[in-house]
Amino acid sequence: MDSRRGTVFGTEDGRVAIRFVRLLPHPPEKVWRAITDPAQLAVWFPAVVELDQPAGSELFFGVTAEQRRRYGMTDDPNHAPNGRMIRREPPSVLEYEWAGEILTWEITETADGSRLVFTNILTDPTAAGPAAAGWEAGLEVVESQLNDHPITWNPLDRAEQLATAYK
């Protein structure tokens, strides 16, 4: 199995989760910014959200411009919260709930930079394949951003390419 692929597994409570592990030659603070800075998130994250909120805060995950263009998606007209911040401990743990799913980002300092572990506990087990492909594509963008490489591809197109690896 490709070590860059996400691992899909069952949780103790019977749900399905996806986990990715990345060893990154960057300090935890830089990795933290890559997964929380709104300008960096706008390039790869599948929602518009402000993650600089304390634990317990309600969050609103909005539709991106690309999702509007590509899929005709729209935001909730009431702008009702659809998530909450569970843990926010810079630069090591970011955990939040989004529409019933739990997303956890753990960053550990290593001798060569950082170890990033991302886990997404899903509400719909049949979504594991498409979700894993999307997160893998997003992590490719994160790594390119960290390495100061230009993003010359669309993460949604890349996720479609990766989808066959998760069937």
N, C-alpha and C. Protein backbone atom coordinates (compact mmCIF):
# COMPACT_ATOMS: atom_id res chain seq x y z
N MET A 1 0.85 -1.19 0.00
CA MET A 1 0.00 0.00 0.00
C MET A 1 0.89 1.25 0.00
N ASP A 2 0.47 2.26 -0.71
CA ASP A 2 1.19 3.53 -0.77
C ASP A 2 1.10 4.20 0.60
N SER A 3 2.26 4.56 1.17
CA SER A 3 2.26 5.17 2.51
C SER A 3 1.64 6.56 2.51
N ARG A 4 1.43 7.15 1.35
CA ARG A 4 0.80 8.47 1.27
C ARG A 4 -0.72 8.35 1.32
N ARG A 5 -1.23 7.15 1.12
CA ARG A 5 -2.68 6.92 1.14
C ARG A 5 -3.20 7.00 2.56
N GLY A 6 -4.44 7.39 2.66
CA GLY A 6 -5.10 7.36 3.95
C GLY A 6 -5.46 5.93 4.31
N THR A 7 -5.50 5.67 5.60
CA THR A 7 -5.90 4.37 6.11
C THR A 7 -7.34 4.49 6.59
N VAL A 8 -8.21 3.63 6.08
CA VAL A 8 -9.62 3.61 6.48
C VAL A 8 -9.79 2.49 7.50
N PHE A 9 -10.41 2.81 8.65
CA PHE A 9 -10.55 1.81 9.70
C PHE A 9 -11.82 2.06 10.50
N GLY A 10 -12.24 1.05 11.24
CA GLY A 10 -13.40 1.16 12.11
C GLY A 10 -12.99 1.72 13.46
N THR A 11 -13.86 2.50 14.06
CA THR A 11 -13.60 3.06 15.39
C THR A 11 -14.26 2.17 16.44
N GLU A 12 -13.90 2.39 17.70
CA GLU A 12 -14.47 1.59 18.80
C GLU A 12 -15.98 1.74 18.90
N ASP A 13 -16.51 2.90 18.48
CA ASP A 13 -17.96 3.11 18.58
C ASP A 13 -18.70 2.70 17.30
N GLY A 14 -18.00 1.98 16.40
CA GLY A 14 -18.65 1.44 15.21
C GLY A 14 -18.67 2.35 14.00
N ARG A 15 -18.08 3.52 14.10
CA ARG A 15 -18.03 4.42 12.95
C ARG A 15 -16.79 4.11 12.10
N VAL A 16 -16.66 4.83 11.01
CA VAL A 16 -15.52 4.67 10.10
C VAL A 16 -14.68 5.93 10.15
N ALA A 17 -13.36 5.76 10.11
CA ALA A 17 -12.44 6.89 10.15
C ALA A 17 -11.38 6.73 9.06
N ILE A 18 -10.78 7.85 8.72
CA ILE A 18 -9.66 7.90 7.77
C ILE A 18 -8.50 8.56 8.51
N ARG A 19 -7.30 8.01 8.35
CA ARG A 19 -6.13 8.62 8.99
C ARG A 19 -5.01 8.76 7.97
N PHE A 20 -4.38 9.94 8.01
CA PHE A 20 -3.21 10.24 7.20
C PHE A 20 -2.06 10.61 8.12
N VAL A 21 -0.86 10.18 7.77
CA VAL A 21 0.34 10.55 8.52
C VAL A 21 1.33 11.15 7.53
N ARG A 22 1.88 12.29 7.90
CA ARG A 22 2.88 12.96 7.07
C ARG A 22 4.06 13.37 7.94
N LEU A 23 5.26 13.07 7.48
CA LEU A 23 6.48 13.58 8.10
C LEU A 23 6.89 14.78 7.27
N LEU A 24 6.98 15.92 7.91
CA LEU A 24 7.19 17.18 7.21
C LEU A 24 8.46 17.86 7.73
N PRO A 25 9.31 18.35 6.83
CA PRO A 25 10.55 19.01 7.26
C PRO A 25 10.34 20.47 7.65
N HIS A 26 9.34 20.70 8.47
CA HIS A 26 8.98 22.05 8.88
C HIS A 26 8.62 22.04 10.36
N PRO A 27 8.87 23.14 11.07
CA PRO A 27 8.52 23.19 12.49
C PRO A 27 7.00 23.16 12.69
N PRO A 28 6.57 22.69 13.86
CA PRO A 28 5.13 22.61 14.13
C PRO A 28 4.38 23.93 13.92
N GLU A 29 5.00 25.05 14.25
CA GLU A 29 4.32 26.34 14.08
C GLU A 29 3.97 26.62 12.62
N LYS A 30 4.86 26.25 11.71
CA LYS A 30 4.60 26.46 10.28
C LYS A 30 3.50 25.51 9.79
N VAL A 31 3.53 24.27 10.27
CA VAL A 31 2.49 23.30 9.90
C VAL A 31 1.14 23.77 10.44
N TRP A 32 1.14 24.27 11.68
CA TRP A 32 -0.09 24.80 12.28
C TRP A 32 -0.71 25.87 11.38
N ARG A 33 0.12 26.80 10.94
CA ARG A 33 -0.40 27.88 10.06
C ARG A 33 -0.99 27.30 8.78
N ALA A 34 -0.38 26.26 8.24
CA ALA A 34 -0.87 25.66 7.00
C ALA A 34 -2.26 25.07 7.14
N ILE A 35 -2.60 24.63 8.36
CA ILE A 35 -3.93 24.01 8.56
C ILE A 35 -4.93 24.93 9.24
N THR A 36 -4.51 26.18 9.54
CA THR A 36 -5.44 27.10 10.21
C THR A 36 -5.55 28.47 9.56
N ASP A 37 -4.55 28.90 8.82
CA ASP A 37 -4.55 30.24 8.23
C ASP A 37 -5.61 30.32 7.12
N PRO A 38 -6.54 31.27 7.20
CA PRO A 38 -7.60 31.37 6.20
C PRO A 38 -7.09 31.47 4.76
N ALA A 39 -6.01 32.20 4.53
CA ALA A 39 -5.50 32.33 3.16
C ALA A 39 -4.97 31.00 2.64
N GLN A 40 -4.32 30.23 3.50
CA GLN A 40 -3.83 28.92 3.07
C GLN A 40 -4.96 27.92 2.93
N LEU A 41 -5.92 27.96 3.85
CA LEU A 41 -7.08 27.06 3.77
C LEU A 41 -7.88 27.29 2.49
N ALA A 42 -7.97 28.54 2.06
CA ALA A 42 -8.77 28.87 0.87
C ALA A 42 -8.32 28.13 -0.37
N VAL A 43 -7.08 27.69 -0.40
CA VAL A 43 -6.55 27.00 -1.57
C VAL A 43 -6.94 25.52 -1.58
N TRP A 44 -7.14 24.91 -0.41
CA TRP A 44 -7.34 23.47 -0.39
C TRP A 44 -8.48 22.95 0.48
N PHE A 45 -8.89 23.67 1.50
CA PHE A 45 -9.87 23.12 2.44
C PHE A 45 -11.27 23.16 1.81
N PRO A 46 -12.09 22.11 2.02
CA PRO A 46 -13.39 22.04 1.36
C PRO A 46 -14.50 22.87 2.01
N ALA A 47 -14.14 23.97 2.65
CA ALA A 47 -15.13 24.87 3.24
C ALA A 47 -14.44 26.18 3.58
N VAL A 48 -15.24 27.19 3.77
CA VAL A 48 -14.76 28.46 4.28
C VAL A 48 -15.08 28.46 5.77
N VAL A 49 -14.04 28.60 6.61
CA VAL A 49 -14.25 28.53 8.05
C VAL A 49 -13.16 29.33 8.76
N GLU A 50 -13.50 29.88 9.90
CA GLU A 50 -12.55 30.59 10.74
C GLU A 50 -12.22 29.68 11.92
N LEU A 51 -11.01 29.10 11.90
CA LEU A 51 -10.62 28.13 12.92
C LEU A 51 -9.90 28.75 14.11
N ASP A 52 -9.70 30.05 14.09
CA ASP A 52 -9.05 30.73 15.21
C ASP A 52 -10.10 31.06 16.27
N GLN A 53 -10.65 29.99 16.86
CA GLN A 53 -11.72 30.11 17.85
C GLN A 53 -11.37 29.25 19.05
N PRO A 54 -11.76 29.66 20.24
CA PRO A 54 -11.47 28.84 21.42
C PRO A 54 -12.34 27.57 21.46
N ALA A 55 -11.86 26.59 22.21
CA ALA A 55 -12.63 25.36 22.40
C ALA A 55 -14.02 25.70 22.90
N GLY A 56 -15.01 24.99 22.38
CA GLY A 56 -16.40 25.21 22.75
C GLY A 56 -17.14 26.16 21.83
N SER A 57 -16.41 26.91 21.00
CA SER A 57 -17.04 27.86 20.09
C SER A 57 -17.80 27.14 18.98
N GLU A 58 -18.92 27.74 18.58
CA GLU A 58 -19.64 27.25 17.41
C GLU A 58 -18.89 27.69 16.16
N LEU A 59 -18.91 26.85 15.13
CA LEU A 59 -18.24 27.16 13.87
C LEU A 59 -19.25 27.10 12.74
N PHE A 60 -19.01 27.90 11.72
CA PHE A 60 -19.80 27.85 10.49
C PHE A 60 -18.88 27.46 9.35
N PHE A 61 -19.17 26.34 8.71
CA PHE A 61 -18.43 25.89 7.55
C PHE A 61 -19.24 26.27 6.32
N GLY A 62 -18.73 27.23 5.56
CA GLY A 62 -19.43 27.73 4.38
C GLY A 62 -18.95 27.09 3.10
N VAL A 63 -19.69 27.32 2.06
CA VAL A 63 -19.39 26.79 0.72
C VAL A 63 -18.30 27.65 0.08
N THR A 64 -17.36 26.99 -0.59
CA THR A 64 -16.30 27.72 -1.28
C THR A 64 -16.78 28.23 -2.64
N ALA A 65 -16.06 29.17 -3.20
CA ALA A 65 -16.40 29.69 -4.53
C ALA A 65 -16.33 28.58 -5.57
N GLU A 66 -15.36 27.69 -5.45
CA GLU A 66 -15.23 26.58 -6.41
C GLU A 66 -16.41 25.62 -6.29
N GLN A 67 -16.89 25.36 -5.09
CA GLN A 67 -18.06 24.49 -4.92
C GLN A 67 -19.31 25.13 -5.51
N ARG A 68 -19.43 26.45 -5.38
CA ARG A 68 -20.56 27.15 -6.01
C ARG A 68 -20.50 27.00 -7.52
N ARG A 69 -19.30 27.27 -8.07
CA ARG A 69 -19.11 27.21 -9.51
C ARG A 69 -19.30 25.80 -10.07
N ARG A 70 -18.66 24.84 -9.45
CA ARG A 70 -18.63 23.48 -9.96
C ARG A 70 -19.91 22.70 -9.70
N TYR A 71 -20.45 22.84 -8.48
CA TYR A 71 -21.57 21.99 -8.07
C TYR A 71 -22.87 22.74 -7.81
N GLY A 72 -22.84 24.06 -7.88
CA GLY A 72 -24.04 24.85 -7.61
C GLY A 72 -24.45 24.86 -6.15
N MET A 73 -23.51 24.56 -5.26
CA MET A 73 -23.82 24.54 -3.83
C MET A 73 -24.03 25.96 -3.31
N THR A 74 -24.82 26.08 -2.25
CA THR A 74 -25.05 27.38 -1.62
C THR A 74 -24.95 27.23 -0.11
N ASP A 75 -24.67 28.34 0.56
CA ASP A 75 -24.62 28.35 2.02
C ASP A 75 -26.02 28.32 2.60
N ASP A 76 -26.11 27.90 3.85
CA ASP A 76 -27.35 27.99 4.60
C ASP A 76 -27.71 29.47 4.69
N PRO A 77 -28.88 29.87 4.20
CA PRO A 77 -29.25 31.30 4.24
C PRO A 77 -29.33 31.86 5.66
N ASN A 78 -29.53 31.00 6.65
CA ASN A 78 -29.60 31.45 8.05
C ASN A 78 -28.22 31.52 8.69
N HIS A 79 -27.20 31.05 7.96
CA HIS A 79 -25.82 31.06 8.46
C HIS A 79 -25.75 30.37 9.84
N ALA A 80 -26.50 29.27 9.97
CA ALA A 80 -26.53 28.54 11.24
C ALA A 80 -25.23 27.78 11.45
N PRO A 81 -24.72 27.75 12.67
CA PRO A 81 -23.50 26.97 12.94
C PRO A 81 -23.70 25.51 12.55
N ASN A 82 -22.68 24.92 11.97
CA ASN A 82 -22.75 23.51 11.59
C ASN A 82 -21.52 22.76 12.10
N GLY A 83 -20.92 23.32 13.16
CA GLY A 83 -19.77 22.67 13.78
C GLY A 83 -19.40 23.36 15.07
N ARG A 84 -18.35 22.82 15.70
CA ARG A 84 -17.87 23.43 16.94
C ARG A 84 -16.41 23.06 17.13
N MET A 85 -15.70 23.95 17.79
CA MET A 85 -14.30 23.70 18.12
C MET A 85 -14.26 22.82 19.36
N ILE A 86 -13.57 21.72 19.28
CA ILE A 86 -13.45 20.81 20.41
C ILE A 86 -12.16 21.09 21.18
N ARG A 87 -11.05 21.11 20.46
CA ARG A 87 -9.74 21.40 21.08
C ARG A 87 -8.94 22.27 20.14
N ARG A 88 -8.28 23.25 20.70
CA ARG A 88 -7.39 24.11 19.91
C ARG A 88 -6.21 24.44 20.80
N GLU A 89 -5.11 23.72 20.59
CA GLU A 89 -3.91 23.86 21.39
C GLU A 89 -2.71 24.08 20.47
N PRO A 90 -2.54 25.33 19.98
CA PRO A 90 -1.45 25.61 19.04
C PRO A 90 -0.08 25.33 19.68
N PRO A 91 0.85 24.79 18.96
CA PRO A 91 0.76 24.30 17.59
C PRO A 91 0.66 22.78 17.52
N SER A 92 -0.06 22.16 18.46
CA SER A 92 -0.03 20.70 18.50
C SER A 92 -1.34 19.98 18.23
N VAL A 93 -2.48 20.51 18.64
CA VAL A 93 -3.75 19.80 18.45
C VAL A 93 -4.84 20.77 18.00
N LEU A 94 -5.51 20.37 16.93
CA LEU A 94 -6.69 21.07 16.44
C LEU A 94 -7.75 20.01 16.21
N GLU A 95 -8.88 20.14 16.91
CA GLU A 95 -9.95 19.15 16.76
C GLU A 95 -11.28 19.89 16.74
N TYR A 96 -12.08 19.56 15.74
CA TYR A 96 -13.38 20.20 15.62
C TYR A 96 -14.39 19.25 15.02
N GLU A 97 -15.65 19.58 15.26
CA GLU A 97 -16.76 18.81 14.71
C GLU A 97 -17.33 19.61 13.55
N TRP A 98 -17.62 18.92 12.46
CA TRP A 98 -18.19 19.55 11.27
C TRP A 98 -19.31 18.65 10.77
N ALA A 99 -20.54 19.10 10.91
CA ALA A 99 -21.71 18.35 10.45
C ALA A 99 -21.70 16.91 10.96
N GLY A 100 -21.35 16.76 12.22
CA GLY A 100 -21.35 15.44 12.85
C GLY A 100 -20.06 14.66 12.73
N GLU A 101 -19.16 15.08 11.86
CA GLU A 101 -17.87 14.41 11.72
C GLU A 101 -16.86 15.06 12.65
N ILE A 102 -15.88 14.29 13.10
CA ILE A 102 -14.82 14.80 13.95
C ILE A 102 -13.52 14.81 13.12
N LEU A 103 -12.87 15.96 13.10
CA LEU A 103 -11.60 16.12 12.39
C LEU A 103 -10.54 16.49 13.41
N THR A 104 -9.47 15.71 13.46
CA THR A 104 -8.40 15.91 14.44
C THR A 104 -7.07 16.02 13.71
N TRP A 105 -6.35 17.09 13.99
CA TRP A 105 -5.02 17.33 13.45
C TRP A 105 -4.06 17.34 14.64
N GLU A 106 -3.08 16.43 14.63
CA GLU A 106 -2.10 16.35 15.69
C GLU A 106 -0.72 16.58 15.09
N ILE A 107 0.00 17.53 15.64
CA ILE A 107 1.33 17.89 15.15
C ILE A 107 2.33 17.66 16.27
N THR A 108 3.32 16.82 15.99
CA THR A 108 4.35 16.51 16.97
C THR A 108 5.69 16.91 16.39
N GLU A 109 6.49 17.60 17.19
CA GLU A 109 7.82 17.97 16.73
C GLU A 109 8.69 16.72 16.62
N THR A 110 9.48 16.65 15.55
CA THR A 110 10.43 15.56 15.35
C THR A 110 11.82 16.16 15.18
N ALA A 111 12.83 15.31 15.14
CA ALA A 111 14.21 15.80 14.95
C ALA A 111 14.35 16.52 13.62
N ASP A 112 13.54 16.13 12.62
CA ASP A 112 13.65 16.70 11.28
C ASP A 112 12.52 17.66 10.93
N GLY A 113 11.65 17.98 11.86
CA GLY A 113 10.54 18.89 11.57
C GLY A 113 9.31 18.53 12.38
N SER A 114 8.31 17.94 11.69
CA SER A 114 7.04 17.62 12.35
C SER A 114 6.44 16.33 11.80
N ARG A 115 5.65 15.71 12.66
CA ARG A 115 4.82 14.58 12.24
C ARG A 115 3.38 15.07 12.35
N LEU A 116 2.67 15.06 11.24
CA LEU A 116 1.27 15.47 11.19
C LEU A 116 0.42 14.21 11.06
N VAL A 117 -0.53 14.05 11.97
CA VAL A 117 -1.50 12.96 11.89
C VAL A 117 -2.88 13.61 11.79
N PHE A 118 -3.57 13.31 10.71
CA PHE A 118 -4.92 13.84 10.50
C PHE A 118 -5.89 12.67 10.51
N THR A 119 -6.94 12.77 11.33
CA THR A 119 -7.97 11.74 11.41
C THR A 119 -9.34 12.38 11.21
N ASN A 120 -10.13 11.78 10.34
CA ASN A 120 -11.50 12.23 10.08
C ASN A 120 -12.44 11.08 10.42
N ILE A 121 -13.25 11.24 11.48
CA ILE A 121 -14.27 10.24 11.82
C ILE A 121 -15.53 10.64 11.08
N LEU A 122 -16.01 9.75 10.25
CA LEU A 122 -17.11 10.05 9.33
C LEU A 122 -18.48 9.75 9.93
N THR A 123 -19.49 10.43 9.42
CA THR A 123 -20.87 10.12 9.79
C THR A 123 -21.46 9.10 8.81
N ASP A 124 -20.95 9.08 7.58
CA ASP A 124 -21.45 8.18 6.54
C ASP A 124 -20.32 7.26 6.10
N PRO A 125 -20.36 5.99 6.48
CA PRO A 125 -19.26 5.08 6.13
C PRO A 125 -19.07 4.90 4.63
N THR A 126 -20.11 5.11 3.85
CA THR A 126 -19.97 4.96 2.40
C THR A 126 -19.19 6.12 1.77
N ALA A 127 -18.97 7.18 2.55
CA ALA A 127 -18.23 8.34 2.04
C ALA A 127 -16.72 8.21 2.24
N ALA A 128 -16.26 7.12 2.82
CA ALA A 128 -14.84 6.98 3.15
C ALA A 128 -13.94 7.13 1.92
N GLY A 129 -14.27 6.48 0.82
CA GLY A 129 -13.44 6.56 -0.37
C GLY A 129 -13.32 7.97 -0.92
N PRO A 130 -14.45 8.61 -1.24
CA PRO A 130 -14.36 9.99 -1.74
C PRO A 130 -13.74 10.95 -0.75
N ALA A 131 -14.04 10.79 0.53
CA ALA A 131 -13.46 11.69 1.55
C ALA A 131 -11.95 11.51 1.60
N ALA A 132 -11.49 10.26 1.59
CA ALA A 132 -10.05 10.00 1.64
C ALA A 132 -9.34 10.61 0.43
N ALA A 133 -9.94 10.46 -0.74
CA ALA A 133 -9.34 11.04 -1.95
C ALA A 133 -9.26 12.56 -1.83
N GLY A 134 -10.30 13.17 -1.30
CA GLY A 134 -10.31 14.63 -1.12
C GLY A 134 -9.27 15.09 -0.13
N TRP A 135 -9.15 14.38 0.99
CA TRP A 135 -8.16 14.78 1.99
C TRP A 135 -6.74 14.56 1.48
N GLU A 136 -6.52 13.48 0.74
CA GLU A 136 -5.18 13.26 0.18
C GLU A 136 -4.81 14.41 -0.76
N ALA A 137 -5.75 14.80 -1.60
CA ALA A 137 -5.51 15.92 -2.52
C ALA A 137 -5.22 17.20 -1.73
N GLY A 138 -5.99 17.44 -0.67
CA GLY A 138 -5.76 18.62 0.16
C GLY A 138 -4.40 18.59 0.82
N LEU A 139 -3.99 17.43 1.32
CA LEU A 139 -2.68 17.33 1.95
C LEU A 139 -1.54 17.55 0.95
N GLU A 140 -1.76 17.18 -0.29
CA GLU A 140 -0.75 17.48 -1.32
C GLU A 140 -0.57 18.99 -1.45
N VAL A 141 -1.66 19.72 -1.38
CA VAL A 141 -1.59 21.18 -1.45
C VAL A 141 -0.87 21.73 -0.22
N VAL A 142 -1.23 21.22 0.96
CA VAL A 142 -0.58 21.67 2.20
C VAL A 142 0.94 21.49 2.09
N GLU A 143 1.36 20.33 1.62
CA GLU A 143 2.80 20.08 1.50
C GLU A 143 3.45 21.02 0.50
N SER A 144 2.78 21.29 -0.59
CA SER A 144 3.32 22.23 -1.58
C SER A 144 3.41 23.64 -0.98
N GLN A 145 2.39 24.05 -0.25
CA GLN A 145 2.43 25.35 0.41
C GLN A 145 3.59 25.42 1.40
N LEU A 146 3.77 24.38 2.20
CA LEU A 146 4.85 24.36 3.17
C LEU A 146 6.22 24.46 2.49
N ASN A 147 6.33 23.84 1.33
CA ASN A 147 7.60 23.83 0.59
C ASN A 147 7.74 25.02 -0.36
N ASP A 148 6.81 25.97 -0.29
CA ASP A 148 6.82 27.16 -1.15
C ASP A 148 6.81 26.82 -2.64
N HIS A 149 6.11 25.74 -2.99
CA HIS A 149 5.93 25.37 -4.40
C HIS A 149 4.59 25.90 -4.88
N PRO A 150 4.52 26.41 -6.09
CA PRO A 150 3.25 26.93 -6.60
C PRO A 150 2.21 25.81 -6.76
N ILE A 151 0.97 26.15 -6.51
CA ILE A 151 -0.14 25.20 -6.70
C ILE A 151 -0.61 25.38 -8.13
N THR A 152 -0.35 24.38 -8.96
CA THR A 152 -0.66 24.47 -10.38
C THR A 152 -1.80 23.54 -10.78
N TRP A 153 -2.51 23.01 -9.80
CA TRP A 153 -3.60 22.08 -10.06
C TRP A 153 -4.77 22.43 -9.15
N ASN A 154 -5.94 21.89 -9.52
CA ASN A 154 -7.14 22.10 -8.72
C ASN A 154 -7.31 20.89 -7.79
N PRO A 155 -7.39 21.10 -6.47
CA PRO A 155 -7.53 19.96 -5.56
C PRO A 155 -8.77 19.10 -5.81
N LEU A 156 -9.85 19.69 -6.30
CA LEU A 156 -11.04 18.89 -6.60
C LEU A 156 -10.80 17.97 -7.79
N ASP A 157 -10.09 18.47 -8.81
CA ASP A 157 -9.73 17.61 -9.94
C ASP A 157 -8.80 16.50 -9.48
N ARG A 158 -7.85 16.85 -8.63
CA ARG A 158 -6.90 15.85 -8.12
C ARG A 158 -7.63 14.79 -7.29
N ALA A 159 -8.60 15.19 -6.49
CA ALA A 159 -9.37 14.22 -5.71
C ALA A 159 -10.09 13.23 -6.62
N GLU A 160 -10.62 13.73 -7.73
CA GLU A 160 -11.27 12.82 -8.68
C GLU A 160 -10.28 11.82 -9.24
N GLN A 161 -9.05 12.24 -9.51
CA GLN A 161 -8.01 11.33 -10.00
C GLN A 161 -7.66 10.28 -8.95
N LEU A 162 -7.59 10.69 -7.69
CA LEU A 162 -7.21 9.79 -6.61
C LEU A 162 -8.33 8.84 -6.19
N ALA A 163 -9.55 9.12 -6.56
CA ALA A 163 -10.70 8.35 -6.09
C ALA A 163 -10.57 6.86 -6.39
N THR A 164 -9.99 6.52 -7.51
CA THR A 164 -9.86 5.09 -7.87
C THR A 164 -8.96 4.33 -6.88
N ALA A 165 -8.04 5.03 -6.23
CA ALA A 165 -7.15 4.38 -5.25
C ALA A 165 -7.90 3.97 -3.99
N TYR A 166 -9.09 4.51 -3.78
CA TYR A 166 -9.85 4.25 -2.56
C TYR A 166 -11.12 3.44 -2.81
N LYS A 167 -11.21 2.79 -3.92
CA LYS A 167 -12.41 1.97 -4.19
C LYS A 167 -12.29 0.60 -3.59
